[in-house]
Amino acid sequence: LILQLCEQWGAFVGSPIARQSLKFFWL
């Protein structure tokens, strides 16, 4: 359930979180 909620962060970055960089998440 928590991971399903975390997927909604995709609406913040505008793309799925599985494709978002952890290395540059600080940006």
PDB file of all heavy atoms in Angstrom:
ATOM      1  N   LEU A   1       0.832  -1.209   0.000  1.00  0.00           N
ATOM      2  CA  LEU A   1       0.000   0.000   0.000  1.00  0.00           C
ATOM      3  C   LEU A   1       0.866   1.259   0.000  1.00  0.00           C
ATOM      4  O   LEU A   1       0.557   2.237  -0.701  1.00  0.00           O
ATOM      5  CB  LEU A   1      -0.928  -0.010   1.217  1.00  0.00           C
ATOM      6  CG  LEU A   1      -2.034  -1.069   1.219  1.00  0.00           C
ATOM      7  CD1 LEU A   1      -2.766  -1.071   2.560  1.00  0.00           C
ATOM      8  CD2 LEU A   1      -3.015  -0.828   0.078  1.00  0.00           C
ATOM      9  N   ILE A   2       1.936   1.230   0.779  1.00  0.00           N
ATOM     10  CA  ILE A   2       2.810   2.413   0.835  1.00  0.00           C
ATOM     11  C   ILE A   2       3.465   2.647  -0.517  1.00  0.00           C
ATOM     12  O   ILE A   2       3.560   3.796  -0.988  1.00  0.00           O
ATOM     13  CB  ILE A   2       3.865   2.236   1.946  1.00  0.00           C
ATOM     14  CG1 ILE A   2       3.185   2.268   3.317  1.00  0.00           C
ATOM     15  CG2 ILE A   2       4.920   3.340   1.858  1.00  0.00           C
ATOM     16  CD1 ILE A   2       4.081   1.791   4.447  1.00  0.00           C
ATOM     17  N   LEU A   3       3.911   1.574  -1.161  1.00  0.00           N
ATOM     18  CA  LEU A   3       4.513   1.729  -2.481  1.00  0.00           C
ATOM     19  C   LEU A   3       3.502   2.242  -3.499  1.00  0.00           C
ATOM     20  O   LEU A   3       3.838   3.031  -4.388  1.00  0.00           O
ATOM     21  CB  LEU A   3       5.115   0.404  -2.948  1.00  0.00           C
ATOM     22  CG  LEU A   3       6.403  -0.021  -2.249  1.00  0.00           C
ATOM     23  CD1 LEU A   3       6.835  -1.409  -2.713  1.00  0.00           C
ATOM     24  CD2 LEU A   3       7.516   0.987  -2.513  1.00  0.00           C
ATOM     25  N   GLN A   4       2.259   1.810  -3.378  1.00  0.00           N
ATOM     26  CA  GLN A   4       1.222   2.330  -4.272  1.00  0.00           C
ATOM     27  C   GLN A   4       1.025   3.830  -4.058  1.00  0.00           C
ATOM     28  O   GLN A   4       0.867   4.589  -5.023  1.00  0.00           O
ATOM     29  CB  GLN A   4      -0.092   1.582  -4.037  1.00  0.00           C
ATOM     30  CG  GLN A   4      -0.080   0.159  -4.554  1.00  0.00           C
ATOM     31  CD  GLN A   4      -1.342  -0.617  -4.185  1.00  0.00           C
ATOM     32  OE1 GLN A   4      -2.040  -0.271  -3.227  1.00  0.00           O
ATOM     33  NE2 GLN A   4      -1.630  -1.665  -4.928  1.00  0.00           N
ATOM     34  N   LEU A   5       1.056   4.249  -2.793  1.00  0.00           N
ATOM     35  CA  LEU A   5       0.961   5.679  -2.510  1.00  0.00           C
ATOM     36  C   LEU A   5       2.178   6.429  -3.052  1.00  0.00           C
ATOM     37  O   LEU A   5       2.053   7.524  -3.611  1.00  0.00           O
ATOM     38  CB  LEU A   5       0.845   5.910  -1.000  1.00  0.00           C
ATOM     39  CG  LEU A   5      -0.541   5.849  -0.359  1.00  0.00           C
ATOM     40  CD1 LEU A   5      -0.423   6.008   1.146  1.00  0.00           C
ATOM     41  CD2 LEU A   5      -1.447   6.933  -0.930  1.00  0.00           C
ATOM     42  N   CYS A   6       3.359   5.827  -2.883  1.00  0.00           N
ATOM     43  CA  CYS A   6       4.577   6.483  -3.357  1.00  0.00           C
ATOM     44  C   CYS A   6       4.560   6.701  -4.858  1.00  0.00           C
ATOM     45  O   CYS A   6       5.147   7.664  -5.360  1.00  0.00           O
ATOM     46  CB  CYS A   6       5.798   5.657  -2.969  1.00  0.00           C
ATOM     47  SG  CYS A   6       6.231   5.741  -1.209  1.00  0.00           S
ATOM     48  N   GLU A   7       3.889   5.838  -5.586  1.00  0.00           N
ATOM     49  CA  GLU A   7       3.816   5.994  -7.034  1.00  0.00           C
ATOM     50  C   GLU A   7       3.158   7.309  -7.422  1.00  0.00           C
ATOM     51  O   GLU A   7       3.397   7.833  -8.513  1.00  0.00           O
ATOM     52  CB  GLU A   7       3.065   4.818  -7.653  1.00  0.00           C
ATOM     53  CG  GLU A   7       3.847   3.521  -7.646  1.00  0.00           C
ATOM     54  CD  GLU A   7       3.055   2.361  -8.218  1.00  0.00           C
ATOM     55  OE1 GLU A   7       1.944   2.602  -8.741  1.00  0.00           O
ATOM     56  OE2 GLU A   7       3.532   1.214  -8.146  1.00  0.00           O
ATOM     57  N   GLN A   8       2.341   7.865  -6.538  1.00  0.00           N
ATOM     58  CA  GLN A   8       1.669   9.116  -6.845  1.00  0.00           C
ATOM     59  C   GLN A   8       2.644  10.288  -6.923  1.00  0.00           C
ATOM     60  O   GLN A   8       2.289  11.363  -7.380  1.00  0.00           O
ATOM     61  CB  GLN A   8       0.585   9.414  -5.801  1.00  0.00           C
ATOM     62  CG  GLN A   8      -0.647   8.544  -5.950  1.00  0.00           C
ATOM     63  CD  GLN A   8      -1.265   8.677  -7.329  1.00  0.00           C
ATOM     64  OE1 GLN A   8      -1.093   7.817  -8.183  1.00  0.00           O
ATOM     65  NE2 GLN A   8      -1.976   9.764  -7.571  1.00  0.00           N
ATOM     66  N   TRP A   9       3.890  10.080  -6.472  1.00  0.00           N
ATOM     67  CA  TRP A   9       4.886  11.141  -6.629  1.00  0.00           C
ATOM     68  C   TRP A   9       5.138  11.415  -8.107  1.00  0.00           C
ATOM     69  O   TRP A   9       5.658  12.459  -8.478  1.00  0.00           O
ATOM     70  CB  TRP A   9       6.182  10.752  -5.921  1.00  0.00           C
ATOM     71  CG  TRP A   9       7.125  11.903  -5.810  1.00  0.00           C
ATOM     72  CD1 TRP A   9       8.202  12.141  -6.604  1.00  0.00           C
ATOM     73  CD2 TRP A   9       7.060  12.988  -4.888  1.00  0.00           C
ATOM     74  NE1 TRP A   9       8.827  13.308  -6.222  1.00  0.00           N
ATOM     75  CE2 TRP A   9       8.131  13.845  -5.170  1.00  0.00           C
ATOM     76  CE3 TRP A   9       6.186  13.313  -3.844  1.00  0.00           C
ATOM     77  CZ2 TRP A   9       8.370  15.010  -4.463  1.00  0.00           C
ATOM     78  CZ3 TRP A   9       6.418  14.463  -3.129  1.00  0.00           C
ATOM     79  CH2 TRP A   9       7.502  15.306  -3.435  1.00  0.00           C
ATOM     80  N   GLY A  10       4.743  10.486  -8.957  1.00  0.00           N
ATOM     81  CA  GLY A  10       4.855  10.705 -10.388  1.00  0.00           C
ATOM     82  C   GLY A  10       4.110  11.938 -10.854  1.00  0.00           C
ATOM     83  O   GLY A  10       4.499  12.590 -11.835  1.00  0.00           O
ATOM     84  N   ALA A  11       3.026  12.300 -10.153  1.00  0.00           N
ATOM     85  CA  ALA A  11       2.289  13.509 -10.506  1.00  0.00           C
ATOM     86  C   ALA A  11       3.063  14.763 -10.125  1.00  0.00           C
ATOM     87  O   ALA A  11       2.790  15.840 -10.652  1.00  0.00           O
ATOM     88  CB  ALA A  11       0.916  13.504  -9.808  1.00  0.00           C
ATOM     89  N   PHE A  12       4.027  14.623  -9.228  1.00  0.00           N
ATOM     90  CA  PHE A  12       4.872  15.762  -8.862  1.00  0.00           C
ATOM     91  C   PHE A  12       5.929  16.007  -9.932  1.00  0.00           C
ATOM     92  O   PHE A  12       6.120  17.129 -10.376  1.00  0.00           O
ATOM     93  CB  PHE A  12       5.532  15.505  -7.509  1.00  0.00           C
ATOM     94  CG  PHE A  12       6.450  16.601  -7.046  1.00  0.00           C
ATOM     95  CD1 PHE A  12       5.965  17.660  -6.316  1.00  0.00           C
ATOM     96  CD2 PHE A  12       7.804  16.573  -7.351  1.00  0.00           C
ATOM     97  CE1 PHE A  12       6.813  18.679  -5.889  1.00  0.00           C
ATOM     98  CE2 PHE A  12       8.653  17.579  -6.940  1.00  0.00           C
ATOM     99  CZ  PHE A  12       8.147  18.642  -6.204  1.00  0.00           C
ATOM    100  N   VAL A  13       6.602  14.938 -10.365  1.00  0.00           N
ATOM    101  CA  VAL A  13       7.679  15.098 -11.332  1.00  0.00           C
ATOM    102  C   VAL A  13       7.184  15.026 -12.767  1.00  0.00           C
ATOM    103  O   VAL A  13       7.923  15.339 -13.709  1.00  0.00           O
ATOM    104  CB  VAL A  13       8.786  14.042 -11.112  1.00  0.00           C
ATOM    105  CG1 VAL A  13       9.460  14.265  -9.778  1.00  0.00           C
ATOM    106  CG2 VAL A  13       8.237  12.626 -11.204  1.00  0.00           C
ATOM    107  N   GLY A  14       5.926  14.600 -12.956  1.00  0.00           N
ATOM    108  CA  GLY A  14       5.356  14.563 -14.294  1.00  0.00           C
ATOM    109  C   GLY A  14       5.677  13.309 -15.082  1.00  0.00           C
ATOM    110  O   GLY A  14       5.393  13.240 -16.274  1.00  0.00           O
ATOM    111  N   SER A  15       6.242  12.288 -14.427  1.00  0.00           N
ATOM    112  CA  SER A  15       6.583  11.021 -15.074  1.00  0.00           C
ATOM    113  C   SER A  15       6.631   9.939 -13.990  1.00  0.00           C
ATOM    114  O   SER A  15       6.792  10.241 -12.804  1.00  0.00           O
ATOM    115  CB  SER A  15       7.940  11.095 -15.786  1.00  0.00           C
ATOM    116  OG  SER A  15       7.913  12.005 -16.853  1.00  0.00           O
ATOM    117  N   PRO A  16       6.527   8.665 -14.361  1.00  0.00           N
ATOM    118  CA  PRO A  16       6.550   7.581 -13.368  1.00  0.00           C
ATOM    119  C   PRO A  16       7.844   7.585 -12.556  1.00  0.00           C
ATOM    120  O   PRO A  16       8.929   7.854 -13.090  1.00  0.00           O
ATOM    121  CB  PRO A  16       6.431   6.314 -14.224  1.00  0.00           C
ATOM    122  CG  PRO A  16       5.757   6.762 -15.473  1.00  0.00           C
ATOM    123  CD  PRO A  16       6.262   8.155 -15.723  1.00  0.00           C
ATOM    124  N   ILE A  17       7.735   7.246 -11.273  1.00  0.00           N
ATOM    125  CA  ILE A  17       8.900   7.287 -10.392  1.00  0.00           C
ATOM    126  C   ILE A  17       9.910   6.192 -10.724  1.00  0.00           C
ATOM    127  O   ILE A  17      11.080   6.310 -10.369  1.00  0.00           O
ATOM    128  CB  ILE A  17       8.497   7.205  -8.911  1.00  0.00           C
ATOM    129  CG1 ILE A  17       7.735   5.902  -8.625  1.00  0.00           C
ATOM    130  CG2 ILE A  17       7.671   8.417  -8.516  1.00  0.00           C
ATOM    131  CD1 ILE A  17       7.461   5.689  -7.150  1.00  0.00           C
ATOM    132  N   ALA A  18       9.489   5.136 -11.404  1.00  0.00           N
ATOM    133  CA  ALA A  18      10.429   4.093 -11.806  1.00  0.00           C
ATOM    134  C   ALA A  18      11.424   4.613 -12.834  1.00  0.00           C
ATOM    135  O   ALA A  18      12.459   3.978 -13.067  1.00  0.00           O
ATOM    136  CB  ALA A  18       9.681   2.889 -12.365  1.00  0.00           C
ATOM    137  N   ARG A  19      11.121   5.760 -13.438  1.00  0.00           N
ATOM    138  CA  ARG A  19      12.038   6.343 -14.424  1.00  0.00           C
ATOM    139  C   ARG A  19      12.731   7.595 -13.880  1.00  0.00           C
ATOM    140  O   ARG A  19      13.444   8.281 -14.620  1.00  0.00           O
ATOM    141  CB  ARG A  19      11.278   6.689 -15.708  1.00  0.00           C
ATOM    142  CG  ARG A  19      10.677   5.478 -16.401  1.00  0.00           C
ATOM    143  CD  ARG A  19      10.566   5.683 -17.896  1.00  0.00           C
ATOM    144  NE  ARG A  19       9.615   6.720 -18.244  1.00  0.00           N
ATOM    145  CZ  ARG A  19       8.328   6.497 -18.505  1.00  0.00           C
ATOM    146  NH1 ARG A  19       7.851   5.261 -18.445  1.00  0.00           N
ATOM    147  NH2 ARG A  19       7.520   7.485 -18.829  1.00  0.00           N
ATOM    148  N   GLN A  20      12.536   7.910 -12.594  1.00  0.00           N
ATOM    149  CA  GLN A  20      13.119   9.123 -12.031  1.00  0.00           C
ATOM    150  C   GLN A  20      14.427   8.830 -11.302  1.00  0.00           C
ATOM    151  O   GLN A  20      14.544   7.862 -10.561  1.00  0.00           O
ATOM    152  CB  GLN A  20      12.132   9.790 -11.080  1.00  0.00           C
ATOM    153  CG  GLN A  20      10.900  10.339 -11.785  1.00  0.00           C
ATOM    154  CD  GLN A  20      11.239  11.242 -12.945  1.00  0.00           C
ATOM    155  OE1 GLN A  20      11.914  12.255 -12.778  1.00  0.00           O
ATOM    156  NE2 GLN A  20      10.802  10.880 -14.138  1.00  0.00           N
ATOM    157  N   SER A  21      15.388   9.699 -11.511  1.00  0.00           N
ATOM    158  CA  SER A  21      16.731   9.518 -10.966  1.00  0.00           C
ATOM    159  C   SER A  21      16.761   9.731  -9.455  1.00  0.00           C
ATOM    160  O   SER A  21      16.325  10.774  -8.963  1.00  0.00           O
ATOM    161  CB  SER A  21      17.684  10.504 -11.635  1.00  0.00           C
ATOM    162  OG  SER A  21      18.926  10.562 -10.969  1.00  0.00           O
ATOM    163  N   LEU A  22      17.310   8.768  -8.738  1.00  0.00           N
ATOM    164  CA  LEU A  22      17.571   8.957  -7.315  1.00  0.00           C
ATOM    165  C   LEU A  22      18.791   9.851  -7.130  1.00  0.00           C
ATOM    166  O   LEU A  22      18.831  10.684  -6.219  1.00  0.00           O
ATOM    167  CB  LEU A  22      17.796   7.613  -6.630  1.00  0.00           C
ATOM    168  CG  LEU A  22      18.154   7.671  -5.142  1.00  0.00           C
ATOM    169  CD1 LEU A  22      17.008   8.259  -4.331  1.00  0.00           C
ATOM    170  CD2 LEU A  22      18.513   6.283  -4.618  1.00  0.00           C
ATOM    171  N   LYS A  23      19.758   9.708  -8.008  1.00  0.00           N
ATOM    172  CA  LYS A  23      20.999  10.475  -7.930  1.00  0.00           C
ATOM    173  C   LYS A  23      20.708  11.975  -7.922  1.00  0.00           C
ATOM    174  O   LYS A  23      21.362  12.742  -7.205  1.00  0.00           O
ATOM    175  CB  LYS A  23      21.874  10.118  -9.125  1.00  0.00           C
ATOM    176  CG  LYS A  23      23.253  10.766  -9.158  1.00  0.00           C
ATOM    177  CD  LYS A  23      24.029  10.309 -10.378  1.00  0.00           C
ATOM    178  CE  LYS A  23      25.439  10.856 -10.408  1.00  0.00           C
ATOM    179  NZ  LYS A  23      26.295  10.242  -9.368  1.00  0.00           N
ATOM    180  N   PHE A  24      19.705  12.409  -8.692  1.00  0.00           N
ATOM    181  CA  PHE A  24      19.388  13.834  -8.784  1.00  0.00           C
ATOM    182  C   PHE A  24      18.009  14.167  -8.243  1.00  0.00           C
ATOM    183  O   PHE A  24      17.421  15.185  -8.602  1.00  0.00           O
ATOM    184  CB  PHE A  24      19.533  14.300 -10.234  1.00  0.00           C
ATOM    185  CG  PHE A  24      20.958  14.316 -10.698  1.00  0.00           C
ATOM    186  CD1 PHE A  24      21.429  13.328 -11.547  1.00  0.00           C
ATOM    187  CD2 PHE A  24      21.835  15.291 -10.252  1.00  0.00           C
ATOM    188  CE1 PHE A  24      22.758  13.318 -11.954  1.00  0.00           C
ATOM    189  CE2 PHE A  24      23.161  15.287 -10.651  1.00  0.00           C
ATOM    190  CZ  PHE A  24      23.625  14.301 -11.502  1.00  0.00           C
ATOM    191  N   PHE A  25      17.522  13.331  -7.331  1.00  0.00           N
ATOM    192  CA  PHE A  25      16.236  13.644  -6.694  1.00  0.00           C
ATOM    193  C   PHE A  25      16.331  14.931  -5.886  1.00  0.00           C
ATOM    194  O   PHE A  25      15.353  15.653  -5.717  1.00  0.00           O
ATOM    195  CB  PHE A  25      15.804  12.476  -5.795  1.00  0.00           C
ATOM    196  CG  PHE A  25      14.417  12.640  -5.214  1.00  0.00           C
ATOM    197  CD1 PHE A  25      13.341  12.950  -6.016  1.00  0.00           C
ATOM    198  CD2 PHE A  25      14.205  12.475  -3.847  1.00  0.00           C
ATOM    199  CE1 PHE A  25      12.066  13.094  -5.480  1.00  0.00           C
ATOM    200  CE2 PHE A  25      12.934  12.617  -3.303  1.00  0.00           C
ATOM    201  CZ  PHE A  25      11.861  12.921  -4.115  1.00  0.00           C
ATOM    202  N   TRP A  26      17.523  15.268  -5.406  1.00  0.00           N
ATOM    203  CA  TRP A  26      17.693  16.486  -4.615  1.00  0.00           C
ATOM    204  C   TRP A  26      17.352  17.729  -5.422  1.00  0.00           C
ATOM    205  O   TRP A  26      17.006  18.778  -4.849  1.00  0.00           O
ATOM    206  CB  TRP A  26      19.115  16.579  -4.068  1.00  0.00           C
ATOM    207  CG  TRP A  26      20.214  16.643  -5.080  1.00  0.00           C
ATOM    208  CD1 TRP A  26      20.859  15.593  -5.658  1.00  0.00           C
ATOM    209  CD2 TRP A  26      20.820  17.817  -5.621  1.00  0.00           C
ATOM    210  NE1 TRP A  26      21.832  16.037  -6.525  1.00  0.00           N
ATOM    211  CE2 TRP A  26      21.827  17.398  -6.525  1.00  0.00           C
ATOM    212  CE3 TRP A  26      20.622  19.182  -5.425  1.00  0.00           C
ATOM    213  CZ2 TRP A  26      22.624  18.293  -7.234  1.00  0.00           C
ATOM    214  CZ3 TRP A  26      21.419  20.079  -6.125  1.00  0.00           C
ATOM    215  CH2 TRP A  26      22.399  19.636  -7.017  1.00  0.00           C
ATOM    216  N   LEU A  27      17.400  17.631  -6.748  1.00  0.00           N
ATOM    217  CA  LEU A  27      17.036  18.774  -7.576  1.00  0.00           C
ATOM    218  C   LEU A  27      15.533  19.060  -7.562  1.00  0.00           C
ATOM    219  O   LEU A  27      15.089  20.071  -8.090  1.00  0.00           O
ATOM    220  CB  LEU A  27      17.494  18.545  -9.023  1.00  0.00           C
ATOM    221  CG  LEU A  27      19.000  18.646  -9.280  1.00  0.00           C
ATOM    222  CD1 LEU A  27      19.321  18.194 -10.698  1.00  0.00           C
ATOM    223  CD2 LEU A  27      19.498  20.062  -9.038  1.00  0.00           C
TER     224      LEU A  27
END
